[in-house]
Amino acid sequence: MQSVINFQDYREFMRQWFAENKRRHSLTWRDFAHRAGYASPVFLKLVSEGRSSLRGNGVERVAQAMGLEGFEKAYF
């Protein structure tokens, strides 16, 4: 998986990150949303498709759910 700093669109990074984790670990959108603290199982899918946006502490929660730390977390 490429580093987040290789992306200018956070949605594209989310889609690629999810696809990689789905392939490797059978991750579902429901699992990803749960990790990030969202009740809606499809919210992050909608974000990745550009049909919704991350706001406020949502960015922090999603970055943490993806395991981003330090500079990569700040970049995201």
PDB file of N, CA and C in Angstrom:
ATOM      1  N   MET A   1       0.850  -1.185   0.000  1.00  0.00           N
ATOM      2  CA  MET A   1       0.000   0.000   0.000  1.00  0.00           C
ATOM      3  C   MET A   1       0.885   1.233   0.000  1.00  0.00           C
ATOM      4  N   GLN A   2       0.528   2.176  -0.854  1.00  0.00           N
ATOM      5  CA  GLN A   2       1.266   3.437  -0.919  1.00  0.00           C
ATOM      6  C   GLN A   2       0.974   4.288   0.313  1.00  0.00           C
ATOM      7  N   SER A   3       1.907   5.139   0.644  1.00  0.00           N
ATOM      8  CA  SER A   3       1.732   6.060   1.756  1.00  0.00           C
ATOM      9  C   SER A   3       0.696   7.122   1.391  1.00  0.00           C
ATOM     10  N   VAL A   4       0.021   7.626   2.401  1.00  0.00           N
ATOM     11  CA  VAL A   4      -0.974   8.676   2.203  1.00  0.00           C
ATOM     12  C   VAL A   4      -0.352   9.908   1.554  1.00  0.00           C
ATOM     13  N   ILE A   5       0.928  10.138   1.753  1.00  0.00           N
ATOM     14  CA  ILE A   5       1.554  11.336   1.177  1.00  0.00           C
ATOM     15  C   ILE A   5       1.691  11.256  -0.343  1.00  0.00           C
ATOM     16  N   ASN A   6       1.421  10.100  -0.922  1.00  0.00           N
ATOM     17  CA  ASN A   6       1.438   9.956  -2.370  1.00  0.00           C
ATOM     18  C   ASN A   6       0.090  10.306  -3.003  1.00  0.00           C
ATOM     19  N   PHE A   7      -0.853  10.734  -2.189  1.00  0.00           N
ATOM     20  CA  PHE A   7      -2.200  11.049  -2.661  1.00  0.00           C
ATOM     21  C   PHE A   7      -2.526  12.511  -2.400  1.00  0.00           C
ATOM     22  N   GLN A   8      -3.259  13.109  -3.329  1.00  0.00           N
ATOM     23  CA  GLN A   8      -3.751  14.461  -3.101  1.00  0.00           C
ATOM     24  C   GLN A   8      -5.237  14.456  -2.780  1.00  0.00           C
ATOM     25  N   ASP A   9      -5.890  13.329  -2.968  1.00  0.00           N
ATOM     26  CA  ASP A   9      -7.315  13.182  -2.703  1.00  0.00           C
ATOM     27  C   ASP A   9      -7.504  12.139  -1.603  1.00  0.00           C
ATOM     28  N   TYR A  10      -7.992  12.579  -0.462  1.00  0.00           N
ATOM     29  CA  TYR A  10      -8.148  11.643   0.666  1.00  0.00           C
ATOM     30  C   TYR A  10      -9.144  10.538   0.340  1.00  0.00           C
ATOM     31  N   ARG A  11     -10.101  10.832  -0.525  1.00  0.00           N
ATOM     32  CA  ARG A  11     -11.084   9.810  -0.898  1.00  0.00           C
ATOM     33  C   ARG A  11     -10.426   8.671  -1.679  1.00  0.00           C
ATOM     34  N   GLU A  12      -9.542   9.014  -2.577  1.00  0.00           N
ATOM     35  CA  GLU A  12      -8.825   7.988  -3.346  1.00  0.00           C
ATOM     36  C   GLU A  12      -7.964   7.139  -2.412  1.00  0.00           C
ATOM     37  N   PHE A  13      -7.314   7.785  -1.455  1.00  0.00           N
ATOM     38  CA  PHE A  13      -6.525   7.029  -0.481  1.00  0.00           C
ATOM     39  C   PHE A  13      -7.424   6.081   0.306  1.00  0.00           C
ATOM     40  N   MET A  14      -8.578   6.559   0.748  1.00  0.00           N
ATOM     41  CA  MET A  14      -9.504   5.702   1.498  1.00  0.00           C
ATOM     42  C   MET A  14      -9.931   4.498   0.662  1.00  0.00           C
ATOM     43  N   ARG A  15     -10.265   4.740  -0.616  1.00  0.00           N
ATOM     44  CA  ARG A  15     -10.690   3.627  -1.475  1.00  0.00           C
ATOM     45  C   ARG A  15      -9.588   2.600  -1.636  1.00  0.00           C
ATOM     46  N   GLN A  16      -8.361   3.049  -1.879  1.00  0.00           N
ATOM     47  CA  GLN A  16      -7.259   2.105  -2.052  1.00  0.00           C
ATOM     48  C   GLN A  16      -6.906   1.410  -0.744  1.00  0.00           C
ATOM     49  N   TRP A  17      -6.917   2.155   0.353  1.00  0.00           N
ATOM     50  CA  TRP A  17      -6.638   1.552   1.650  1.00  0.00           C
ATOM     51  C   TRP A  17      -7.670   0.471   1.950  1.00  0.00           C
ATOM     52  N   PHE A  18      -8.951   0.801   1.723  1.00  0.00           N
ATOM     53  CA  PHE A  18     -10.010  -0.170   1.990  1.00  0.00           C
ATOM     54  C   PHE A  18      -9.864  -1.404   1.100  1.00  0.00           C
ATOM     55  N   ALA A  19      -9.627  -1.208  -0.193  1.00  0.00           N
ATOM     56  CA  ALA A  19      -9.493  -2.342  -1.117  1.00  0.00           C
ATOM     57  C   ALA A  19      -8.366  -3.270  -0.684  1.00  0.00           C
ATOM     58  N   GLU A  20      -7.253  -2.690  -0.259  1.00  0.00           N
ATOM     59  CA  GLU A  20      -6.116  -3.490   0.192  1.00  0.00           C
ATOM     60  C   GLU A  20      -6.463  -4.280   1.460  1.00  0.00           C
ATOM     61  N   ASN A  21      -7.132  -3.623   2.404  1.00  0.00           N
ATOM     62  CA  ASN A  21      -7.491  -4.299   3.653  1.00  0.00           C
ATOM     63  C   ASN A  21      -8.629  -5.295   3.466  1.00  0.00           C
ATOM     64  N   LYS A  22      -9.480  -5.047   2.502  1.00  0.00           N
ATOM     65  CA  LYS A  22     -10.524  -6.021   2.180  1.00  0.00           C
ATOM     66  C   LYS A  22      -9.887  -7.287   1.615  1.00  0.00           C
ATOM     67  N   ARG A  23      -8.918  -7.092   0.734  1.00  0.00           N
ATOM     68  CA  ARG A  23      -8.232  -8.224   0.115  1.00  0.00           C
ATOM     69  C   ARG A  23      -7.427  -9.016   1.147  1.00  0.00           C
ATOM     70  N   ARG A  24      -6.704  -8.312   1.996  1.00  0.00           N
ATOM     71  CA  ARG A  24      -5.822  -8.979   2.966  1.00  0.00           C
ATOM     72  C   ARG A  24      -6.532  -9.507   4.202  1.00  0.00           C
ATOM     73  N   HIS A  25      -7.523  -8.761   4.676  1.00  0.00           N
ATOM     74  CA  HIS A  25      -8.110  -9.079   5.980  1.00  0.00           C
ATOM     75  C   HIS A  25      -9.626  -9.232   5.955  1.00  0.00           C
ATOM     76  N   SER A  26     -10.212  -9.283   4.780  1.00  0.00           N
ATOM     77  CA  SER A  26     -11.673  -9.406   4.635  1.00  0.00           C
ATOM     78  C   SER A  26     -12.421  -8.281   5.361  1.00  0.00           C
ATOM     79  N   LEU A  27     -11.846  -7.091   5.366  1.00  0.00           N
ATOM     80  CA  LEU A  27     -12.465  -5.932   6.005  1.00  0.00           C
ATOM     81  C   LEU A  27     -13.734  -5.546   5.254  1.00  0.00           C
ATOM     82  N   THR A  28     -14.764  -5.177   5.996  1.00  0.00           N
ATOM     83  CA  THR A  28     -15.997  -4.683   5.386  1.00  0.00           C
ATOM     84  C   THR A  28     -16.143  -3.197   5.708  1.00  0.00           C
ATOM     85  N   TRP A  29     -17.026  -2.519   4.972  1.00  0.00           N
ATOM     86  CA  TRP A  29     -17.289  -1.110   5.276  1.00  0.00           C
ATOM     87  C   TRP A  29     -17.858  -0.987   6.688  1.00  0.00           C
ATOM     88  N   ARG A  30     -18.654  -1.961   7.095  1.00  0.00           N
ATOM     89  CA  ARG A  30     -19.216  -1.966   8.446  1.00  0.00           C
ATOM     90  C   ARG A  30     -18.094  -2.017   9.484  1.00  0.00           C
ATOM     91  N   ASP A  31     -17.117  -2.906   9.270  1.00  0.00           N
ATOM     92  CA  ASP A  31     -15.981  -3.022  10.197  1.00  0.00           C
ATOM     93  C   ASP A  31     -15.198  -1.712  10.265  1.00  0.00           C
ATOM     94  N   PHE A  32     -14.946  -1.127   9.101  1.00  0.00           N
ATOM     95  CA  PHE A  32     -14.186   0.121   9.024  1.00  0.00           C
ATOM     96  C   PHE A  32     -14.923   1.237   9.759  1.00  0.00           C
ATOM     97  N   ALA A  33     -16.232   1.360   9.513  1.00  0.00           N
ATOM     98  CA  ALA A  33     -17.029   2.390  10.176  1.00  0.00           C
ATOM     99  C   ALA A  33     -17.018   2.175  11.692  1.00  0.00           C
ATOM    100  N   HIS A  34     -17.136   0.927  12.116  1.00  0.00           N
ATOM    101  CA  HIS A  34     -17.124   0.617  13.541  1.00  0.00           C
ATOM    102  C   HIS A  34     -15.789   1.015  14.180  1.00  0.00           C
ATOM    103  N   ARG A  35     -14.688   0.698  13.506  1.00  0.00           N
ATOM    104  CA  ARG A  35     -13.357   1.077  14.005  1.00  0.00           C
ATOM    105  C   ARG A  35     -13.236   2.581  14.206  1.00  0.00           C
ATOM    106  N   ALA A  36     -13.866   3.335  13.291  1.00  0.00           N
ATOM    107  CA  ALA A  36     -13.782   4.798  13.341  1.00  0.00           C
ATOM    108  C   ALA A  36     -14.847   5.412  14.240  1.00  0.00           C
ATOM    109  N   GLY A  37     -15.720   4.584  14.810  1.00  0.00           N
ATOM    110  CA  GLY A  37     -16.715   5.073  15.748  1.00  0.00           C
ATOM    111  C   GLY A  37     -17.996   5.581  15.116  1.00  0.00           C
ATOM    112  N   TYR A  38     -18.309   5.151  13.911  1.00  0.00           N
ATOM    113  CA  TYR A  38     -19.546   5.558  13.250  1.00  0.00           C
ATOM    114  C   TYR A  38     -20.604   4.481  13.394  1.00  0.00           C
ATOM    115  N   ALA A  39     -21.837   4.899  13.638  1.00  0.00           N
ATOM    116  CA  ALA A  39     -22.948   3.954  13.760  1.00  0.00           C
ATOM    117  C   ALA A  39     -23.406   3.474  12.383  1.00  0.00           C
ATOM    118  N   SER A  40     -23.341   4.358  11.397  1.00  0.00           N
ATOM    119  CA  SER A  40     -23.788   3.994  10.046  1.00  0.00           C
ATOM    120  C   SER A  40     -22.749   3.103   9.378  1.00  0.00           C
ATOM    121  N   PRO A  41     -23.149   1.906   8.946  1.00  0.00           N
ATOM    122  CA  PRO A  41     -22.180   0.992   8.339  1.00  0.00           C
ATOM    123  C   PRO A  41     -21.725   1.416   6.951  1.00  0.00           C
ATOM    124  N   VAL A  42     -22.425   2.364   6.330  1.00  0.00           N
ATOM    125  CA  VAL A  42     -22.058   2.768   4.964  1.00  0.00           C
ATOM    126  C   VAL A  42     -21.507   4.187   4.873  1.00  0.00           C
ATOM    127  N   PHE A  43     -21.415   4.889   5.997  1.00  0.00           N
ATOM    128  CA  PHE A  43     -20.978   6.275   5.947  1.00  0.00           C
ATOM    129  C   PHE A  43     -19.620   6.444   5.268  1.00  0.00           C
ATOM    130  N   LEU A  44     -18.644   5.640   5.635  1.00  0.00           N
ATOM    131  CA  LEU A  44     -17.306   5.814   5.065  1.00  0.00           C
ATOM    132  C   LEU A  44     -17.273   5.421   3.589  1.00  0.00           C
ATOM    133  N   LYS A  45     -18.121   4.521   3.178  1.00  0.00           N
ATOM    134  CA  LYS A  45     -18.248   4.198   1.754  1.00  0.00           C
ATOM    135  C   LYS A  45     -18.770   5.415   1.007  1.00  0.00           C
ATOM    136  N   LEU A  46     -19.763   6.087   1.565  1.00  0.00           N
ATOM    137  CA  LEU A  46     -20.304   7.303   0.951  1.00  0.00           C
ATOM    138  C   LEU A  46     -19.239   8.396   0.873  1.00  0.00           C
ATOM    139  N   VAL A  47     -18.436   8.514   1.912  1.00  0.00           N
ATOM    140  CA  VAL A  47     -17.338   9.490   1.909  1.00  0.00           C
ATOM    141  C   VAL A  47     -16.366   9.159   0.779  1.00  0.00           C
ATOM    142  N   SER A  48     -15.975   7.899   0.663  1.00  0.00           N
ATOM    143  CA  SER A  48     -14.995   7.506  -0.350  1.00  0.00           C
ATOM    144  C   SER A  48     -15.531   7.722  -1.767  1.00  0.00           C
ATOM    145  N   GLU A  49     -16.850   7.697  -1.917  1.00  0.00           N
ATOM    146  CA  GLU A  49     -17.479   7.917  -3.225  1.00  0.00           C
ATOM    147  C   GLU A  49     -17.753   9.395  -3.504  1.00  0.00           C
ATOM    148  N   GLY A  50     -17.473  10.264  -2.534  1.00  0.00           N
ATOM    149  CA  GLY A  50     -17.702  11.691  -2.710  1.00  0.00           C
ATOM    150  C   GLY A  50     -19.137  12.112  -2.448  1.00  0.00           C
ATOM    151  N   ARG A  51     -19.933  11.230  -1.869  1.00  0.00           N
ATOM    152  CA  ARG A  51     -21.341  11.534  -1.612  1.00  0.00           C
ATOM    153  C   ARG A  51     -21.565  12.074  -0.208  1.00  0.00           C
ATOM    154  N   SER A  52     -20.513  12.107   0.598  1.00  0.00           N
ATOM    155  CA  SER A  52     -20.534  12.688   1.935  1.00  0.00           C
ATOM    156  C   SER A  52     -19.113  13.146   2.241  1.00  0.00           C
ATOM    157  N   SER A  53     -18.947  13.871   3.332  1.00  0.00           N
ATOM    158  CA  SER A  53     -17.623  14.397   3.675  1.00  0.00           C
ATOM    159  C   SER A  53     -17.296  14.146   5.137  1.00  0.00           C
ATOM    160  N   LEU A  54     -16.015  14.108   5.414  1.00  0.00           N
ATOM    161  CA  LEU A  54     -15.546  14.030   6.801  1.00  0.00           C
ATOM    162  C   LEU A  54     -15.472  15.444   7.350  1.00  0.00           C
ATOM    163  N   ARG A  55     -15.911  15.607   8.577  1.00  0.00           N
ATOM    164  CA  ARG A  55     -15.874  16.925   9.206  1.00  0.00           C
ATOM    165  C   ARG A  55     -15.334  16.802  10.624  1.00  0.00           C
ATOM    166  N   GLY A  56     -14.739  17.867  11.089  1.00  0.00           N
ATOM    167  CA  GLY A  56     -14.303  17.945  12.484  1.00  0.00           C
ATOM    168  C   GLY A  56     -13.436  16.785  12.915  1.00  0.00           C
ATOM    169  N   ASN A  57     -13.832  16.166  14.004  1.00  0.00           N
ATOM    170  CA  ASN A  57     -13.014  15.081  14.548  1.00  0.00           C
ATOM    171  C   ASN A  57     -13.152  13.791  13.739  1.00  0.00           C
ATOM    172  N   GLY A  58     -14.031  13.778  12.745  1.00  0.00           N
ATOM    173  CA  GLY A  58     -14.165  12.609  11.870  1.00  0.00           C
ATOM    174  C   GLY A  58     -12.882  12.290  11.144  1.00  0.00           C
ATOM    175  N   VAL A  59     -12.161  13.315  10.744  1.00  0.00           N
ATOM    176  CA  VAL A  59     -10.880  13.118  10.063  1.00  0.00           C
ATOM    177  C   VAL A  59      -9.916  12.393  10.988  1.00  0.00           C
ATOM    178  N   GLU A  60      -9.854  12.837  12.214  1.00  0.00           N
ATOM    179  CA  GLU A  60      -8.979  12.219  13.226  1.00  0.00           C
ATOM    180  C   GLU A  60      -9.372  10.764  13.471  1.00  0.00           C
ATOM    181  N   ARG A  61     -10.663  10.507  13.613  1.00  0.00           N
ATOM    182  CA  ARG A  61     -11.144   9.155  13.893  1.00  0.00           C
ATOM    183  C   ARG A  61     -10.840   8.194  12.747  1.00  0.00           C
ATOM    184  N   VAL A  62     -11.039   8.659  11.524  1.00  0.00           N
ATOM    185  CA  VAL A  62     -10.789   7.795  10.366  1.00  0.00           C
ATOM    186  C   VAL A  62      -9.292   7.544  10.212  1.00  0.00           C
ATOM    187  N   ALA A  63      -8.480   8.582  10.375  1.00  0.00           N
ATOM    188  CA  ALA A  63      -7.026   8.416  10.282  1.00  0.00           C
ATOM    189  C   ALA A  63      -6.545   7.404  11.317  1.00  0.00           C
ATOM    190  N   GLN A  64      -7.076   7.490  12.509  1.00  0.00           N
ATOM    191  CA  GLN A  64      -6.690   6.552  13.562  1.00  0.00           C
ATOM    192  C   GLN A  64      -7.153   5.141  13.213  1.00  0.00           C
ATOM    193  N   ALA A  65      -8.364   4.998  12.683  1.00  0.00           N
ATOM    194  CA  ALA A  65      -8.886   3.681  12.301  1.00  0.00           C
ATOM    195  C   ALA A  65      -8.041   3.052  11.199  1.00  0.00           C
ATOM    196  N   MET A  66      -7.412   3.887  10.375  1.00  0.00           N
ATOM    197  CA  MET A  66      -6.547   3.382   9.305  1.00  0.00           C
ATOM    198  C   MET A  66      -5.122   3.151   9.776  1.00  0.00           C
ATOM    199  N   GLY A  67      -4.850   3.466  11.031  1.00  0.00           N
ATOM    200  CA  GLY A  67      -3.519   3.231  11.585  1.00  0.00           C
ATOM    201  C   GLY A  67      -2.494   4.279  11.203  1.00  0.00           C
ATOM    202  N   LEU A  68      -2.970   5.451  10.793  1.00  0.00           N
ATOM    203  CA  LEU A  68      -2.032   6.524  10.436  1.00  0.00           C
ATOM    204  C   LEU A  68      -1.524   7.193  11.701  1.00  0.00           C
ATOM    205  N   GLU A  69      -0.240   7.536  11.690  1.00  0.00           N
ATOM    206  CA  GLU A  69       0.379   8.182  12.845  1.00  0.00           C
ATOM    207  C   GLU A  69       1.300   9.295  12.382  1.00  0.00           C
ATOM    208  N   GLY A  70       1.589  10.205  13.275  1.00  0.00           N
ATOM    209  CA  GLY A  70       2.558  11.262  13.024  1.00  0.00           C
ATOM    210  C   GLY A  70       2.240  12.096  11.800  1.00  0.00           C
ATOM    211  N   PHE A  71       3.242  12.262  10.957  1.00  0.00           N
ATOM    212  CA  PHE A  71       3.109  13.108   9.771  1.00  0.00           C
ATOM    213  C   PHE A  71       2.002  12.614   8.846  1.00  0.00           C
ATOM    214  N   GLU A  72       1.887  11.290   8.676  1.00  0.00           N
ATOM    215  CA  GLU A  72       0.860  10.753   7.779  1.00  0.00           C
ATOM    216  C   GLU A  72      -0.548  11.084   8.305  1.00  0.00           C
ATOM    217  N   LYS A  73      -0.732  11.019   9.594  1.00  0.00           N
ATOM    218  CA  LYS A  73      -2.025  11.363  10.185  1.00  0.00           C
ATOM    219  C   LYS A  73      -2.338  12.837   9.968  1.00  0.00           C
ATOM    220  N   ALA A  74      -1.355  13.690  10.165  1.00  0.00           N
ATOM    221  CA  ALA A  74      -1.530  15.119   9.954  1.00  0.00           C
ATOM    222  C   ALA A  74      -1.805  15.430   8.474  1.00  0.00           C
ATOM    223  N   TYR A  75      -1.137  14.730   7.578  1.00  0.00           N
ATOM    224  CA  TYR A  75      -1.329  14.935   6.148  1.00  0.00           C
ATOM    225  C   TYR A  75      -2.738  14.542   5.718  1.00  0.00           C
ATOM    226  N   PHE A  76      -3.203  13.421   6.252  1.00  0.00           N
ATOM    227  CA  PHE A  76      -4.542  12.949   5.914  1.00  0.00           C
ATOM    228  C   PHE A  76      -5.572  14.004   6.261  1.00  0.00           C
TER     229      PHE A  76
END
